[in-house]
C-alpha atoms as a PDB file:
ATOM      1  CA  MET A   1      -1.678 -10.416   1.177  1.00  0.00           C
ATOM      2  CA  ARG A   2      -1.156  -8.359   4.037  1.00  0.00           C
ATOM      3  CA  VAL A   3      -3.269  -5.535   5.164  1.00  0.00           C
ATOM      4  CA  LEU A   4      -2.227  -3.043   7.447  1.00  0.00           C
ATOM      5  CA  PRO A   5      -4.573  -2.226  10.587  1.00  0.00           C
ATOM      6  CA  ILE A   6      -5.696   1.168  10.682  1.00  0.00           C
ATOM      7  CA  SER A   7      -3.889   1.714  14.252  1.00  0.00           C
ATOM      8  CA  ALA A   8      -0.735   0.876  12.744  1.00  0.00           C
ATOM      9  CA  LEU A   9      -0.898   3.118   9.701  1.00  0.00           C
ATOM     10  CA  LEU A  10      -1.990   6.110  12.026  1.00  0.00           C
ATOM     11  CA  CYS A  11       1.419   5.617  14.225  1.00  0.00           C
ATOM     12  CA  LEU A  12       3.254   5.174  11.270  1.00  0.00           C
ATOM     13  CA  LEU A  13       1.725   8.360   9.424  1.00  0.00           C
ATOM     14  CA  THR A  14       2.351  10.467  12.738  1.00  0.00           C
ATOM     15  CA  ALA A  15       5.216  11.560  14.284  1.00  0.00           C
ATOM     16  CA  GLY A  16       4.629   9.678  17.543  1.00  0.00           C
ATOM     17  CA  ALA A  17       6.487   6.518  18.636  1.00  0.00           C
ATOM     18  CA  CYS A  18       6.540   5.215  15.215  1.00  0.00           C
ATOM     19  CA  SER A  19       8.959   6.062  12.346  1.00  0.00           C
ATOM     20  CA  SER A  20       8.456   9.204  10.886  1.00  0.00           C
ATOM     21  CA  ALA A  21       6.155   9.710   7.884  1.00  0.00           C
ATOM     22  CA  THR A  22       7.486  13.162   7.232  1.00  0.00           C
ATOM     23  CA  PRO A  23      11.228  12.365   6.947  1.00  0.00           C
ATOM     24  CA  ASP A  24      14.075  15.122   6.957  1.00  0.00           C
ATOM     25  CA  ALA A  25      13.636  16.684   3.674  1.00  0.00           C
ATOM     26  CA  GLN A  26      17.569  18.015   3.859  1.00  0.00           C
ATOM     27  CA  ARG A  27      18.369  14.488   3.163  1.00  0.00           C
ATOM     28  CA  GLY A  28      16.592  14.304   0.198  1.00  0.00           C
ATOM     29  CA  ALA A  29      14.212  11.779   1.462  1.00  0.00           C
ATOM     30  CA  PRO A  30      10.542  11.625   0.141  1.00  0.00           C
ATOM     31  CA  THR A  31       7.708  13.259   2.143  1.00  0.00           C
ATOM     32  CA  TYR A  32       4.258  12.062   1.767  1.00  0.00           C
ATOM     33  CA  ARG A  33       1.214  13.846   3.057  1.00  0.00           C
ATOM     34  CA  ALA A  34      -0.525  11.726   5.888  1.00  0.00           C
ATOM     35  CA  GLY A  35      -3.237  10.123   4.667  1.00  0.00           C
ATOM     36  CA  SER A  36      -2.557  10.008   1.083  1.00  0.00           C
ATOM     37  CA  PRO A  37      -2.194   6.883  -1.205  1.00  0.00           C
ATOM     38  CA  GLU A  38       1.147   7.179  -1.332  1.00  0.00           C
ATOM     39  CA  ALA A  39       1.837   7.728   2.499  1.00  0.00           C
ATOM     40  CA  ILE A  40      -0.359   4.476   2.881  1.00  0.00           C
ATOM     41  CA  ALA A  41       1.619   2.284   0.520  1.00  0.00           C
ATOM     42  CA  ALA A  42       4.811   3.912   1.906  1.00  0.00           C
ATOM     43  CA  ALA A  43       3.617   2.585   5.391  1.00  0.00           C
ATOM     44  CA  VAL A  44       2.614  -0.871   4.170  1.00  0.00           C
ATOM     45  CA  VAL A  45       6.066  -1.381   2.491  1.00  0.00           C
ATOM     46  CA  ALA A  46       7.682  -0.135   5.452  1.00  0.00           C
ATOM     47  CA  GLN A  47       6.204  -2.685   7.793  1.00  0.00           C
ATOM     48  CA  GLN A  48       6.957  -5.516   5.284  1.00  0.00           C
ATOM     49  CA  THR A  49      10.042  -4.618   5.033  1.00  0.00           C
ATOM     50  CA  GLY A  50      11.169  -3.517   8.412  1.00  0.00           C
ATOM     51  CA  SER A  51      12.377  -0.186   6.680  1.00  0.00           C
ATOM     52  CA  ASN A  52      11.490   3.252   7.587  1.00  0.00           C
ATOM     53  CA  VAL A  53       8.919   5.099   5.819  1.00  0.00           C
ATOM     54  CA  ASP A  54      11.456   7.623   4.293  1.00  0.00           C
ATOM     55  CA  GLU A  55      13.465   4.356   2.735  1.00  0.00           C
ATOM     56  CA  VAL A  56      10.249   3.574   0.378  1.00  0.00           C
ATOM     57  CA  ALA A  57      10.328   4.999  -2.995  1.00  0.00           C
ATOM     58  CA  ILE A  58       7.182   5.604  -4.928  1.00  0.00           C
ATOM     59  CA  ARG A  59       7.784   4.560  -8.555  1.00  0.00           C
ATOM     60  CA  SER A  60       4.196   4.960  -9.941  1.00  0.00           C
ATOM     61  CA  VAL A  61       0.709   5.672  -8.901  1.00  0.00           C
ATOM     62  CA  GLU A  62      -2.034   4.752 -11.037  1.00  0.00           C
ATOM     63  CA  ALA A  63      -5.747   5.606 -10.079  1.00  0.00           C
ATOM     64  CA  ILE A  64      -7.985   2.471 -11.108  1.00  0.00           C
ATOM     65  CA  GLN A  65     -11.505   1.406 -10.399  1.00  0.00           C
ATOM     66  CA  PHE A  66     -11.066  -2.396  -8.987  1.00  0.00           C
ATOM     67  CA  GLY A  67     -14.069  -4.868 -10.177  1.00  0.00           C
ATOM     68  CA  ASP A  68     -14.476  -5.966  -6.508  1.00  0.00           C
ATOM     69  CA  SER A  69     -13.085  -5.198  -2.989  1.00  0.00           C
ATOM     70  CA  SER A  70     -10.175  -7.670  -3.337  1.00  0.00           C
ATOM     71  CA  LEU A  71      -8.401  -4.809  -5.013  1.00  0.00           C
ATOM     72  CA  GLY A  72      -7.562  -6.688  -8.319  1.00  0.00           C
ATOM     73  CA  CYS A  73      -5.496  -9.170  -5.740  1.00  0.00           C
ATOM     74  CA  PRO A  74      -7.932 -11.769  -4.522  1.00  0.00           C
ATOM     75  CA  GLN A  75      -6.561 -14.849  -2.411  1.00  0.00           C
ATOM     76  CA  PRO A  76      -7.967 -18.261  -2.791  1.00  0.00           C
ATOM     77  CA  GLY A  77     -10.903 -19.374  -0.647  1.00  0.00           C
ATOM     78  CA  MET A  78     -11.862 -15.845  -0.098  1.00  0.00           C
ATOM     79  CA  SER A  79     -15.119 -14.111  -0.910  1.00  0.00           C
ATOM     80  CA  TYR A  80     -14.987 -10.631  -1.558  1.00  0.00           C
ATOM     81  CA  LEU A  81     -18.075  -8.041  -2.195  1.00  0.00           C
ATOM     82  CA  GLN A  82     -18.532  -7.572  -5.945  1.00  0.00           C
ATOM     83  CA  VAL A  83     -18.557  -3.557  -5.924  1.00  0.00           C
ATOM     84  CA  ILE A  84     -16.380  -1.227  -7.833  1.00  0.00           C
ATOM     85  CA  THR A  85     -13.996   0.150  -5.702  1.00  0.00           C
ATOM     86  CA  PRO A  86     -12.018   3.131  -6.679  1.00  0.00           C
ATOM     87  CA  GLY A  87      -8.415   2.963  -5.700  1.00  0.00           C
ATOM     88  CA  TYR A  88      -4.686   2.834  -6.508  1.00  0.00           C
ATOM     89  CA  LYS A  89      -2.373   0.427  -7.741  1.00  0.00           C
ATOM     90  CA  ILE A  90       1.176   1.599  -6.687  1.00  0.00           C
ATOM     91  CA  LEU A  91       4.887   0.430  -7.392  1.00  0.00           C
ATOM     92  CA  ALA A  92       7.020   1.031  -4.435  1.00  0.00           C
ATOM     93  CA  GLU A  93      10.622   0.085  -3.830  1.00  0.00           C
ATOM     94  CA  ALA A  94      12.404  -0.516  -0.490  1.00  0.00           C
ATOM     95  CA  ALA A  95      15.196  -2.796   0.578  1.00  0.00           C
ATOM     96  CA  ASN A  96      16.404  -3.521  -3.070  1.00  0.00           C
ATOM     97  CA  ARG A  97      12.708  -4.954  -3.711  1.00  0.00           C
ATOM     98  CA  SER A  98       9.946  -3.933  -5.846  1.00  0.00           C
ATOM     99  CA  PHE A  99       6.127  -4.182  -4.113  1.00  0.00           C
ATOM    100  CA  ASP A 100       2.837  -3.958  -5.956  1.00  0.00           C
ATOM    101  CA  VAL A 101       0.607  -2.013  -3.331  1.00  0.00           C
ATOM    102  CA  ARG A 102      -3.241  -1.801  -3.823  1.00  0.00           C
ATOM    103  CA  VAL A 103      -4.797   1.205  -1.851  1.00  0.00           C
ATOM    104  CA  ALA A 104      -8.487   2.294  -1.204  1.00  0.00           C
ATOM    105  CA  GLY A 105      -9.427   4.558   1.251  1.00  0.00           C
ATOM    106  CA  SER A 106      -7.550   3.774   4.108  1.00  0.00           C
ATOM    107  CA  ARG A 107      -6.627   0.320   3.324  1.00  0.00           C
ATOM    108  CA  GLY A 108      -3.265  -0.594   1.892  1.00  0.00           C
ATOM    109  CA  LEU A 109      -2.099  -4.459   1.026  1.00  0.00           C
ATOM    110  CA  ILE A 110       0.596  -5.616  -1.043  1.00  0.00           C
ATOM    111  CA  CYS A 111      -0.395  -7.704  -3.899  1.00  0.00           C
ATOM    112  CA  ASP A 112       1.752 -10.702  -4.029  1.00  0.00           C
ATOM    113  CA  PRO A 113       1.255 -12.391  -7.497  1.00  0.00           C
ATOM    114  CA  ARG A 114       2.667 -15.804  -5.846  1.00  0.00           C
ATOM    115  CA  THR A 115      -0.375 -15.953  -3.475  1.00  0.00           C
ATOM    116  CA  ARG A 116      -3.101 -14.582  -5.592  1.00  0.00           C
ATOM    117  CA  SER A 117      -5.819 -16.334  -7.624  1.00  0.00           C
ATOM    118  CA  GLU A 118      -6.932 -15.101 -10.763  1.00  0.00           C
ATOM    119  CA  SER A 119     -10.685 -13.609 -10.649  1.00  0.00           C
ATOM    120  CA  PRO A 120     -12.154 -12.729 -13.816  1.00  0.00           C
ATOM    121  CA  ARG A 121     -14.417  -9.925 -11.757  1.00  0.00           C
ATOM    122  CA  SER A 122     -10.986  -8.022 -10.390  1.00  0.00           C
ATOM    123  CA  GLN A 123      -9.432  -5.723 -12.849  1.00  0.00           C
ATOM    124  CA  PRO A 124      -5.467  -5.484 -12.328  1.00  0.00           C
END
């Protein structure tokens, strides 16, 4: 599980020194409203793949109530707050790969089924 620091997200979501979060609409690239779940997911995937945000395609967005703060992606040996956490399960594609991205508030992470443990309290 990778969690993108807020500072990196803000850098990716602004038109500063980082790659642009508002790609050129004339190229047909997607545009994401800054701070939206889609923008956060695109920034997380872009960081993971080394791609630009405008190279990330969002395929689906599902609002979900996660059973704990793991966002349905618990890691072995970790403890999580047992609180209903509203968020999104987002399917994104970049660099010829698909990513299961979980977003809650300004937190985004890639849920990797190879490293996650199953938890009866989390809702995928």
